[in-house]
Amino acid sequence: MSTVDSSGGNVATAEPGGGSGGGSLGLSAAAALVMGSIIGTGVFLLPASLAAFGTISLLAFVFTAIGAIALAQMFGVLSKRMPADGGPYAYSRAAFGNAVGFFNAWSYWITAWAGNAAIVVAWIVYVEVFINTGHNKVFSIVIGFVGLWLPAAVNLSGVKNMASVQIITTIIKFIPLVIISTVGLFFVDWSYLTSNWNISGQAPLAAIVTCMALAVFSYLGVETAAVAAGKVRNPRRNVPLASLLGTLACTVVYLLSTLVIFGTVPNKELTADGAQPFTLSFNAMFGGTWSGYAVAIAAIISGLGALNGWTMICAEMPLAAAREGLFPRQFAKLSGKGVPAFGIIASTGLASALMIFSYLGQAGADVFNLMILLAGLTAAVPYAFSALALIKWSFRAGERTQGANWRFDGVIAVVGLLFSALIIYGSFTDPSTVVSLMILSVVVFVLGLVLYFYMRRKFTAVESAAPPS
């Protein structure tokens, strides 16, 4: 249901149970949103970043997977209680009020468009297998614009088109991942794994924590079905299922594919500037270059799918916040296609600017690492407050959800909170990016503070702290 404001734009209003989209996404589309958002181009490039630490990064990936599965379960539990658009924003606002809700919405919005900047940087690497092989920065930026604005155009055309693209790209991207995760195991040279255990120069624990901060970006997206709950049919059932099944599927292919890459490509080649890990691994297994080119094409399609899903998420969080006066009113307006066009365009514009800034300031893997650390850091804040909300609702007898296993929910929430704290800590352990990350963090916080003081007199009252249901 929507109303029309005096400026002529449609302003979404909250539906019972959350949502403005009338349940456009079924279980398969919601699961595709989760998998497509988690698996972008990061998985195709991340092994190159982790290779600098050695095989110990596989252990870090296991710990990251445990935390990610806990988060998926946590968001599933929260969505059963509050199947509302905005996910982490909605939970934190209901539990702790408007101020906390605002800064969670702001932080997650940064995650979404900064994450798109990171995805497109990795996407450019695989596009440049075929064009701009000399890595001219200006041409790279032009390619990046195509990668960002093509998915924006799909989203602007309507939710059904966005869902169709998401399902198709998710199927295509899983093909090389499944092949490398199964057939690739027969090609592993185990000496590659045993001879490069910890080559980071750091103590084992420090290396694991730093790797986890990098690897967590590969799991950003476990919450996307919860964020878009208002567009999911039967969200109390489908959001938890999509979140958990999507995360588990991604975990299996992540761990196996990374192991195969480390076991088929010498570490020196993986850590070379501009390395494409999946391309190198497929070429090592099957010979020639045709298979590597096929992987590059799959990575390009995968990246477009992830950008397609995240572009929708970029607009969903401010849409939910704008309904309640926490974000500018323009974010709540719906176009004739029923989508928050202003949020899509503004978020894509900011991602474009961040991509340009990154290319002008740094090069190679440093660009990717900085963006994924920023996205991980800003995601950890709403993750942590979502965990605190579930802890509050689980351990206070008067606020427990009826019929829920509150002890299990509480344990899951505590694991999610610890995982979020570890992400924040680990984000600042990489000396090559710590200064740039601190500068970017201060800038986004100050900008958020300015917007908070501008908007706070327009905040609507929090009607309910999510009563048991």
Protein backbone atom coordinates (compact mmCIF):
# COMPACT_ATOMS: atom_id res chain seq x y z
CA MET A 1 0.00 0.00 0.00
CA SER A 2 1.35 3.47 -0.84
CA THR A 3 0.30 7.07 -0.62
CA VAL A 4 1.06 9.97 -2.88
CA ASP A 5 2.85 13.00 -1.44
CA SER A 6 2.53 16.57 -2.61
CA SER A 7 5.60 16.30 -4.82
CA GLY A 8 3.97 13.58 -6.89
CA GLY A 9 6.17 10.68 -5.79
CA ASN A 10 4.85 7.53 -4.20
CA VAL A 11 5.87 7.12 -0.59
CA ALA A 12 5.91 3.58 0.72
CA THR A 13 4.16 2.89 3.96
CA ALA A 14 4.69 -0.06 6.22
CA GLU A 15 2.49 -3.05 5.66
CA PRO A 16 1.43 -5.29 8.50
CA GLY A 17 4.25 -7.67 9.03
CA GLY A 18 6.57 -5.39 7.13
CA GLY A 19 7.00 -4.79 3.49
CA SER A 20 6.04 -2.62 0.63
CA GLY A 21 6.55 -4.94 -2.26
CA GLY A 22 3.55 -7.20 -1.93
CA GLY A 23 5.61 -10.38 -1.67
CA SER A 24 7.22 -10.40 -5.10
CA LEU A 25 9.96 -12.92 -4.14
CA GLY A 26 9.26 -16.60 -3.49
CA LEU A 27 11.61 -18.99 -1.68
CA SER A 28 13.75 -19.70 -4.76
CA ALA A 29 14.13 -16.01 -5.55
CA ALA A 30 14.88 -15.18 -1.90
CA ALA A 31 17.50 -17.95 -1.74
CA ALA A 32 18.95 -16.70 -5.03
CA LEU A 33 19.13 -13.22 -3.51
CA VAL A 34 21.10 -14.59 -0.55
CA MET A 35 23.42 -16.77 -2.64
CA GLY A 36 23.77 -14.20 -5.38
CA SER A 37 24.59 -11.46 -2.86
CA ILE A 38 27.07 -13.62 -0.95
CA ILE A 39 28.78 -15.01 -4.04
CA GLY A 40 29.81 -12.10 -6.19
CA THR A 41 33.25 -11.57 -7.59
CA GLY A 42 34.80 -11.69 -4.13
CA VAL A 43 35.06 -15.47 -4.13
CA PHE A 44 36.82 -15.33 -7.51
CA LEU A 45 39.44 -12.83 -6.25
CA LEU A 46 39.67 -13.43 -2.50
CA PRO A 47 42.02 -16.46 -2.72
CA ALA A 48 44.67 -14.09 -4.10
CA SER A 49 44.37 -11.93 -0.98
CA LEU A 50 44.37 -14.92 1.37
CA ALA A 51 47.32 -16.55 -0.38
CA ALA A 52 49.61 -13.91 1.11
CA PHE A 53 48.95 -15.50 4.52
CA GLY A 54 49.35 -19.12 3.41
CA THR A 55 47.25 -22.20 4.02
CA ILE A 56 46.42 -20.99 7.54
CA SER A 57 43.79 -18.84 5.85
CA LEU A 58 41.73 -22.01 5.24
CA LEU A 59 41.43 -22.39 9.01
CA ALA A 60 40.36 -18.74 9.20
CA PHE A 61 37.75 -19.48 6.53
CA VAL A 62 36.32 -22.32 8.66
CA PHE A 63 35.92 -19.99 11.66
CA THR A 64 34.40 -17.34 9.42
CA ALA A 65 31.92 -19.88 8.07
CA ILE A 66 30.84 -20.84 11.60
CA GLY A 67 30.20 -17.19 12.40
CA ALA A 68 28.36 -16.63 9.13
CA ILE A 69 26.07 -19.62 9.69
CA ALA A 70 25.34 -18.31 13.19
CA LEU A 71 24.44 -14.94 11.66
CA ALA A 72 22.17 -16.59 9.09
CA GLN A 73 20.39 -18.50 11.85
CA MET A 74 20.17 -15.33 13.94
CA PHE A 75 18.57 -13.31 11.13
CA GLY A 76 16.20 -16.19 10.48
CA VAL A 77 15.05 -16.12 14.11
CA LEU A 78 14.69 -12.33 14.07
CA SER A 79 12.73 -12.38 10.82
CA LYS A 80 10.21 -14.81 12.33
CA ARG A 81 9.64 -12.29 15.08
CA MET A 82 9.76 -9.16 12.88
CA PRO A 83 9.34 -9.91 9.16
CA ALA A 84 9.86 -6.23 8.30
CA ASP A 85 11.74 -4.41 5.57
CA GLY A 86 15.13 -3.19 6.72
CA GLY A 87 16.18 -6.30 8.65
CA PRO A 88 19.01 -5.22 11.01
CA TYR A 89 17.74 -1.64 11.03
CA ALA A 90 14.23 -2.70 12.02
CA TYR A 91 15.47 -5.00 14.80
CA SER A 92 17.83 -2.44 16.36
CA ARG A 93 15.22 0.34 16.19
CA ALA A 94 12.52 -1.82 17.80
CA ALA A 95 14.87 -2.94 20.57
CA PHE A 96 16.83 0.25 21.31
CA GLY A 97 15.02 3.23 19.79
CA ASN A 98 15.37 5.71 16.96
CA ALA A 99 18.96 6.87 17.57
CA VAL A 100 20.37 3.35 17.47
CA GLY A 101 18.10 2.51 14.55
CA PHE A 102 19.35 5.49 12.57
CA PHE A 103 23.03 4.70 12.97
CA ASN A 104 22.43 1.04 12.12
CA ALA A 105 20.58 2.06 8.97
CA TRP A 106 23.36 4.50 8.08
CA SER A 107 26.11 1.96 8.73
CA TYR A 108 24.41 -0.80 6.74
CA TRP A 109 23.72 1.58 3.87
CA ILE A 110 27.47 2.29 3.75
CA THR A 111 28.06 -1.47 3.71
CA ALA A 112 25.76 -1.91 0.73
CA TRP A 113 27.18 0.71 -1.61
CA ALA A 114 30.78 0.34 -0.39
CA GLY A 115 30.36 -3.39 -0.95
CA ASN A 116 29.22 -2.67 -4.49
CA ALA A 117 32.39 -0.64 -5.02
CA ALA A 118 34.43 -3.63 -3.82
CA ILE A 119 32.48 -6.08 -5.99
CA VAL A 120 32.95 -3.98 -9.09
CA VAL A 121 36.71 -3.64 -8.45
CA ALA A 122 36.97 -7.44 -8.42
CA TRP A 123 34.63 -7.64 -11.43
CA ILE A 124 36.92 -5.32 -13.39
CA VAL A 125 39.83 -7.73 -12.83
CA TYR A 126 37.96 -10.48 -14.70
CA VAL A 127 36.66 -8.20 -17.44
CA GLU A 128 40.28 -7.22 -18.05
CA VAL A 129 41.09 -10.81 -18.93
CA PHE A 130 39.57 -9.85 -22.30
CA ILE A 131 39.93 -6.06 -22.60
CA ASN A 132 42.20 -3.41 -21.12
CA THR A 133 44.80 -6.06 -20.42
CA GLY A 134 47.31 -3.29 -19.75
CA HIS A 135 45.15 -2.17 -16.80
CA ASN A 136 44.87 1.48 -17.80
CA LYS A 137 43.21 3.10 -14.77
CA VAL A 138 40.94 5.43 -16.72
CA PHE A 139 39.66 2.53 -18.85
CA SER A 140 39.25 0.43 -15.67
CA ILE A 141 37.04 3.14 -14.19
CA VAL A 142 34.92 3.24 -17.37
CA ILE A 143 34.46 -0.53 -17.15
CA GLY A 144 33.48 -0.11 -13.52
CA PHE A 145 30.78 2.38 -14.45
CA VAL A 146 29.24 -0.22 -16.77
CA GLY A 147 29.33 -2.82 -14.01
CA LEU A 148 27.57 -0.53 -11.55
CA TRP A 149 24.98 1.18 -13.72
CA LEU A 150 23.79 -1.84 -15.77
CA PRO A 151 22.41 -3.57 -12.62
CA ALA A 152 20.99 -0.23 -11.52
CA ALA A 153 19.04 -0.08 -14.80
CA VAL A 154 17.71 -3.62 -14.20
CA ASN A 155 16.54 -2.66 -10.72
CA LEU A 156 14.91 0.51 -11.98
CA SER A 157 12.88 -1.60 -14.44
CA GLY A 158 11.09 -3.42 -11.58
CA VAL A 159 11.37 -6.14 -8.93
CA LYS A 160 10.30 -8.99 -11.23
CA ASN A 161 13.09 -8.24 -13.72
CA MET A 162 15.56 -7.97 -10.87
CA ALA A 163 14.44 -11.38 -9.50
CA SER A 164 14.68 -13.06 -12.93
CA VAL A 165 18.23 -11.78 -13.46
CA GLN A 166 19.17 -12.89 -9.94
CA ILE A 167 18.01 -16.48 -10.44
CA ILE A 168 19.71 -16.83 -13.85
CA THR A 169 23.05 -15.36 -12.73
CA THR A 170 23.06 -17.46 -9.55
CA ILE A 171 22.66 -20.68 -11.56
CA ILE A 172 25.44 -19.67 -13.97
CA LYS A 173 27.88 -18.64 -11.24
CA PHE A 174 27.50 -21.95 -9.42
CA ILE A 175 28.66 -24.01 -12.42
CA PRO A 176 32.42 -23.27 -12.14
CA LEU A 177 32.22 -23.33 -8.35
CA VAL A 178 30.69 -26.80 -8.32
CA ILE A 179 33.20 -28.06 -10.90
CA ILE A 180 36.22 -26.78 -9.01
CA SER A 181 34.80 -27.98 -5.67
CA THR A 182 34.36 -31.56 -6.93
CA VAL A 183 36.50 -32.38 -9.95
CA GLY A 184 39.25 -30.08 -8.70
CA LEU A 185 39.88 -32.22 -5.63
CA PHE A 186 41.48 -34.86 -7.89
CA PHE A 187 44.09 -32.35 -9.08
CA VAL A 188 45.25 -31.04 -5.68
CA ASP A 189 49.00 -31.17 -5.02
CA TRP A 190 49.01 -31.49 -1.24
CA SER A 191 52.61 -30.30 -1.01
CA TYR A 192 51.39 -26.84 -2.05
CA LEU A 193 49.22 -26.82 1.05
CA THR A 194 51.74 -28.15 3.56
CA SER A 195 54.69 -26.01 2.43
CA ASN A 196 52.93 -22.65 2.82
CA TRP A 197 51.15 -22.92 6.15
CA ASN A 198 51.81 -19.44 7.58
CA ILE A 199 53.89 -17.14 5.40
CA SER A 200 52.42 -13.87 6.70
CA GLY A 201 55.16 -13.07 9.19
CA GLN A 202 52.47 -12.73 11.87
CA ALA A 203 51.77 -14.95 14.85
CA PRO A 204 49.22 -17.67 13.96
CA LEU A 205 46.37 -16.08 15.94
CA ALA A 206 47.00 -12.65 14.42
CA ALA A 207 47.14 -14.13 10.93
CA ILE A 208 43.86 -15.98 11.46
CA VAL A 209 42.08 -12.86 12.74
CA THR A 210 43.33 -10.74 9.82
CA CYS A 211 42.27 -13.43 7.33
CA MET A 212 38.84 -13.60 8.94
CA ALA A 213 38.43 -9.84 8.48
CA LEU A 214 39.13 -10.32 4.77
CA ALA A 215 37.08 -13.51 4.43
CA VAL A 216 34.02 -12.07 6.13
CA PHE A 217 33.35 -9.91 3.07
CA SER A 218 32.63 -13.13 1.19
CA TYR A 219 29.70 -13.70 3.54
CA LEU A 220 28.18 -10.25 3.44
CA GLY A 221 24.70 -10.98 2.19
CA VAL A 222 23.54 -13.59 4.72
CA GLU A 223 21.05 -10.97 5.89
CA THR A 224 19.75 -9.81 2.50
CA ALA A 225 16.54 -11.85 2.61
CA ALA A 226 15.82 -10.29 6.02
CA VAL A 227 16.55 -6.80 4.68
CA ALA A 228 14.10 -7.36 1.81
CA ALA A 229 11.56 -9.26 3.96
CA GLY A 230 8.75 -6.99 2.83
CA LYS A 231 9.25 -8.21 -0.74
CA VAL A 232 9.33 -11.91 0.22
CA ARG A 233 6.19 -14.04 0.15
CA ASN A 234 5.42 -15.68 3.51
CA PRO A 235 8.52 -14.07 5.08
CA ARG A 236 8.25 -15.86 8.44
CA ARG A 237 8.85 -19.14 6.62
CA ASN A 238 10.86 -18.19 3.55
CA VAL A 239 13.33 -15.67 4.99
CA PRO A 240 14.81 -18.09 7.58
CA LEU A 241 14.95 -20.91 5.03
CA ALA A 242 16.54 -18.75 2.34
CA SER A 243 19.07 -17.31 4.80
CA LEU A 244 20.23 -20.65 6.20
CA LEU A 245 20.14 -22.78 3.03
CA GLY A 246 21.80 -20.07 0.96
CA THR A 247 24.60 -19.61 3.50
CA LEU A 248 25.23 -23.35 3.86
CA ALA A 249 25.43 -23.83 0.09
CA CYS A 250 27.89 -20.97 -0.23
CA THR A 251 30.00 -22.30 2.64
CA VAL A 252 30.53 -25.67 0.99
CA VAL A 253 31.67 -24.24 -2.34
CA TYR A 254 33.77 -21.53 -0.66
CA LEU A 255 35.82 -23.90 1.44
CA LEU A 256 36.31 -26.56 -1.24
CA SER A 257 37.08 -24.13 -4.06
CA THR A 258 39.64 -22.21 -1.98
CA LEU A 259 41.32 -25.45 -0.96
CA VAL A 260 41.51 -26.58 -4.60
CA ILE A 261 42.97 -23.26 -5.74
CA PHE A 262 45.65 -23.37 -3.04
CA GLY A 263 46.39 -26.98 -4.04
CA THR A 264 46.63 -26.45 -7.80
CA VAL A 265 48.37 -23.07 -8.15
CA PRO A 266 51.80 -22.22 -6.67
CA ASN A 267 51.58 -19.56 -3.99
CA LYS A 268 53.93 -17.28 -5.91
CA GLU A 269 51.50 -17.13 -8.84
CA LEU A 270 48.49 -16.49 -6.60
CA THR A 271 50.16 -13.53 -4.91
CA ALA A 272 51.31 -11.90 -8.16
CA ASP A 273 49.71 -8.53 -8.94
CA GLY A 274 46.52 -8.91 -10.97
CA ALA A 275 46.28 -12.69 -10.42
CA GLN A 276 42.95 -14.35 -11.27
CA PRO A 277 42.89 -17.39 -8.94
CA PHE A 278 40.09 -19.39 -10.60
CA THR A 279 41.51 -18.78 -14.06
CA LEU A 280 44.94 -19.97 -12.94
CA SER A 281 43.48 -23.04 -11.23
CA PHE A 282 41.35 -24.14 -14.19
CA ASN A 283 44.26 -23.62 -16.57
CA ALA A 284 46.48 -25.71 -14.27
CA MET A 285 43.92 -28.53 -14.18
CA PHE A 286 42.83 -28.67 -17.81
CA GLY A 287 45.68 -26.98 -19.68
CA GLY A 288 45.55 -24.20 -22.22
CA THR A 289 43.61 -21.01 -21.70
CA TRP A 290 40.07 -21.86 -22.81
CA SER A 291 38.97 -23.03 -19.36
CA GLY A 292 40.39 -19.95 -17.74
CA TYR A 293 38.47 -17.76 -20.15
CA ALA A 294 35.30 -19.70 -19.35
CA VAL A 295 35.83 -19.06 -15.64
CA ALA A 296 36.43 -15.38 -16.31
CA ILE A 297 33.10 -15.19 -18.16
CA ALA A 298 31.38 -16.93 -15.24
CA ALA A 299 33.01 -14.49 -12.82
CA ILE A 300 31.78 -11.56 -14.90
CA ILE A 301 28.23 -12.92 -14.88
CA SER A 302 28.52 -13.68 -11.16
CA GLY A 303 29.63 -10.14 -10.44
CA LEU A 304 26.71 -8.69 -12.36
CA GLY A 305 24.35 -10.93 -10.38
CA ALA A 306 25.81 -9.80 -7.07
CA LEU A 307 25.67 -6.15 -8.12
CA ASN A 308 22.07 -6.69 -9.20
CA GLY A 309 21.08 -8.03 -5.78
CA TRP A 310 23.08 -5.54 -3.75
CA THR A 311 21.74 -2.62 -5.77
CA MET A 312 18.26 -3.57 -4.57
CA ILE A 313 19.52 -3.90 -0.98
CA CYS A 314 21.21 -0.48 -1.25
CA ALA A 315 17.77 1.07 -1.63
CA GLU A 316 15.81 -1.19 0.75
CA MET A 317 17.52 -0.07 3.97
CA PRO A 318 17.06 3.70 3.42
CA LEU A 319 13.53 2.98 2.13
CA ALA A 320 12.61 1.36 5.45
CA ALA A 321 14.31 4.13 7.44
CA ALA A 322 12.71 6.91 5.38
CA ARG A 323 9.23 5.54 6.08
CA GLU A 324 9.78 6.32 9.75
CA GLY A 325 11.41 9.70 9.24
CA LEU A 326 14.97 8.55 9.90
CA PHE A 327 16.22 9.11 6.34
CA PRO A 328 15.31 11.88 3.88
CA ARG A 329 11.83 11.55 2.40
CA GLN A 330 13.17 11.09 -1.14
CA PHE A 331 14.35 7.57 -0.23
CA ALA A 332 10.75 6.51 0.47
CA LYS A 333 9.36 7.55 -2.91
CA LEU A 334 8.48 4.76 -5.32
CA SER A 335 8.70 5.11 -9.07
CA GLY A 336 6.00 4.05 -11.50
CA LYS A 337 7.69 0.60 -11.51
CA GLY A 338 7.22 0.35 -7.74
CA VAL A 339 10.92 0.69 -6.87
CA PRO A 340 12.76 3.29 -4.73
CA ALA A 341 14.49 4.95 -7.69
CA PHE A 342 16.16 7.71 -5.69
CA GLY A 343 17.84 5.19 -3.38
CA ILE A 344 19.04 3.09 -6.32
CA ILE A 345 20.51 6.07 -8.16
CA ALA A 346 22.04 7.72 -5.08
CA SER A 347 23.65 4.47 -3.87
CA THR A 348 25.05 3.64 -7.30
CA GLY A 349 26.44 7.16 -7.60
CA LEU A 350 28.21 6.86 -4.23
CA ALA A 351 29.61 3.43 -5.17
CA SER A 352 30.91 4.97 -8.41
CA ALA A 353 32.61 7.80 -6.52
CA LEU A 354 34.22 5.37 -4.06
CA MET A 355 35.50 3.23 -6.93
CA ILE A 356 37.11 6.29 -8.54
CA PHE A 357 38.67 7.34 -5.23
CA SER A 358 40.08 3.85 -4.74
CA TYR A 359 41.64 3.67 -8.19
CA LEU A 360 43.19 7.11 -7.91
CA GLY A 361 44.67 6.38 -4.48
CA GLN A 362 45.80 2.77 -4.63
CA ALA A 363 46.31 -0.14 -7.00
CA GLY A 364 45.87 -3.87 -7.35
CA ALA A 365 44.79 -5.93 -4.37
CA ASP A 366 45.03 -2.90 -2.03
CA VAL A 367 41.94 -1.43 -3.70
CA PHE A 368 39.96 -4.59 -3.13
CA ASN A 369 41.22 -5.12 0.42
CA LEU A 370 40.37 -1.58 1.52
CA MET A 371 36.85 -1.78 0.14
CA ILE A 372 36.07 -5.18 1.66
CA LEU A 373 37.41 -4.08 5.04
CA LEU A 374 35.24 -0.93 4.97
CA ALA A 375 32.19 -2.95 3.96
CA GLY A 376 32.89 -5.58 6.63
CA LEU A 377 33.45 -2.96 9.32
CA THR A 378 30.22 -1.09 8.61
CA ALA A 379 28.28 -4.37 8.39
CA ALA A 380 29.60 -5.49 11.78
CA VAL A 381 27.79 -2.63 13.54
CA PRO A 382 24.22 -3.63 12.51
CA TYR A 383 25.18 -7.30 12.91
CA ALA A 384 26.20 -6.59 16.52
CA PHE A 385 23.07 -4.61 17.35
CA SER A 386 20.89 -7.29 15.77
CA ALA A 387 22.60 -9.80 18.05
CA LEU A 388 22.05 -7.53 21.06
CA ALA A 389 18.37 -7.20 20.13
CA LEU A 390 17.98 -10.99 20.04
CA ILE A 391 19.89 -11.31 23.34
CA LYS A 392 17.53 -8.77 24.91
CA TRP A 393 14.43 -10.53 23.57
CA SER A 394 15.73 -13.99 24.54
CA PHE A 395 16.94 -13.40 28.09
CA ARG A 396 14.13 -11.11 29.29
CA ALA A 397 11.18 -13.33 30.15
CA GLY A 398 8.55 -10.77 29.21
CA GLU A 399 9.92 -10.28 25.71
CA ARG A 400 10.52 -13.84 24.55
CA THR A 401 8.82 -14.95 21.37
CA GLN A 402 6.15 -17.52 22.15
CA GLY A 403 7.09 -21.04 21.14
CA ALA A 404 10.75 -20.14 20.52
CA ASN A 405 13.72 -21.97 22.00
CA TRP A 406 15.03 -18.88 23.74
CA ARG A 407 18.16 -20.57 25.09
CA PHE A 408 19.25 -21.65 21.62
CA ASP A 409 18.37 -18.23 20.21
CA GLY A 410 20.42 -16.58 22.95
CA VAL A 411 23.47 -18.74 22.25
CA ILE A 412 23.22 -18.00 18.52
CA ALA A 413 22.97 -14.29 19.32
CA VAL A 414 26.04 -14.40 21.57
CA VAL A 415 28.05 -16.15 18.82
CA GLY A 416 26.84 -13.51 16.35
CA LEU A 417 27.89 -10.72 18.73
CA LEU A 418 31.37 -12.19 19.27
CA PHE A 419 31.76 -12.68 15.53
CA SER A 420 30.77 -9.05 14.91
CA ALA A 421 33.30 -7.83 17.50
CA LEU A 422 36.00 -9.93 15.86
CA ILE A 423 35.19 -8.37 12.48
CA ILE A 424 35.62 -4.88 13.93
CA TYR A 425 38.92 -5.80 15.56
CA GLY A 426 40.25 -7.64 12.55
CA SER A 427 39.42 -4.79 10.19
CA PHE A 428 42.20 -2.72 11.74
CA THR A 429 44.93 -5.36 11.90
CA ASP A 430 46.20 -5.00 8.32
CA PRO A 431 48.96 -2.33 8.39
CA SER A 432 48.70 -1.71 4.63
CA THR A 433 45.11 -0.45 4.91
CA VAL A 434 44.66 0.69 8.51
CA VAL A 435 45.30 4.40 7.91
CA SER A 436 43.04 4.62 4.85
CA LEU A 437 40.35 2.61 6.64
CA MET A 438 40.48 4.89 9.68
CA ILE A 439 40.14 7.98 7.47
CA LEU A 440 37.17 6.53 5.59
CA SER A 441 35.55 5.40 8.85
CA VAL A 442 35.83 8.87 10.38
CA VAL A 443 34.45 10.49 7.23
CA VAL A 444 31.37 8.23 7.04
CA PHE A 445 30.72 8.61 10.79
CA VAL A 446 30.87 12.41 10.65
CA LEU A 447 28.56 12.46 7.62
CA GLY A 448 26.16 10.18 9.47
CA LEU A 449 26.27 12.45 12.52
CA VAL A 450 25.40 15.47 10.38
CA LEU A 451 22.43 13.64 8.84
CA TYR A 452 21.30 12.44 12.27
CA PHE A 453 21.07 15.97 13.71
CA TYR A 454 19.31 17.14 10.55
CA MET A 455 16.73 14.34 10.63
CA ARG A 456 16.14 13.70 14.33
CA ARG A 457 13.21 16.12 14.69
CA LYS A 458 11.42 14.17 11.94
CA PHE A 459 11.79 10.76 13.60
CA THR A 460 8.51 8.96 14.22
CA ALA A 461 7.86 7.25 17.55
CA VAL A 462 8.82 3.62 17.97
CA GLU A 463 5.41 2.00 18.36
CA SER A 464 6.51 -1.34 19.74
CA ALA A 465 9.62 -3.13 20.90
CA ALA A 466 8.65 -6.24 18.92
CA PRO A 467 6.17 -7.92 21.32
CA PRO A 468 6.07 -11.72 21.39
CA SER A 469 4.09 -13.30 18.57
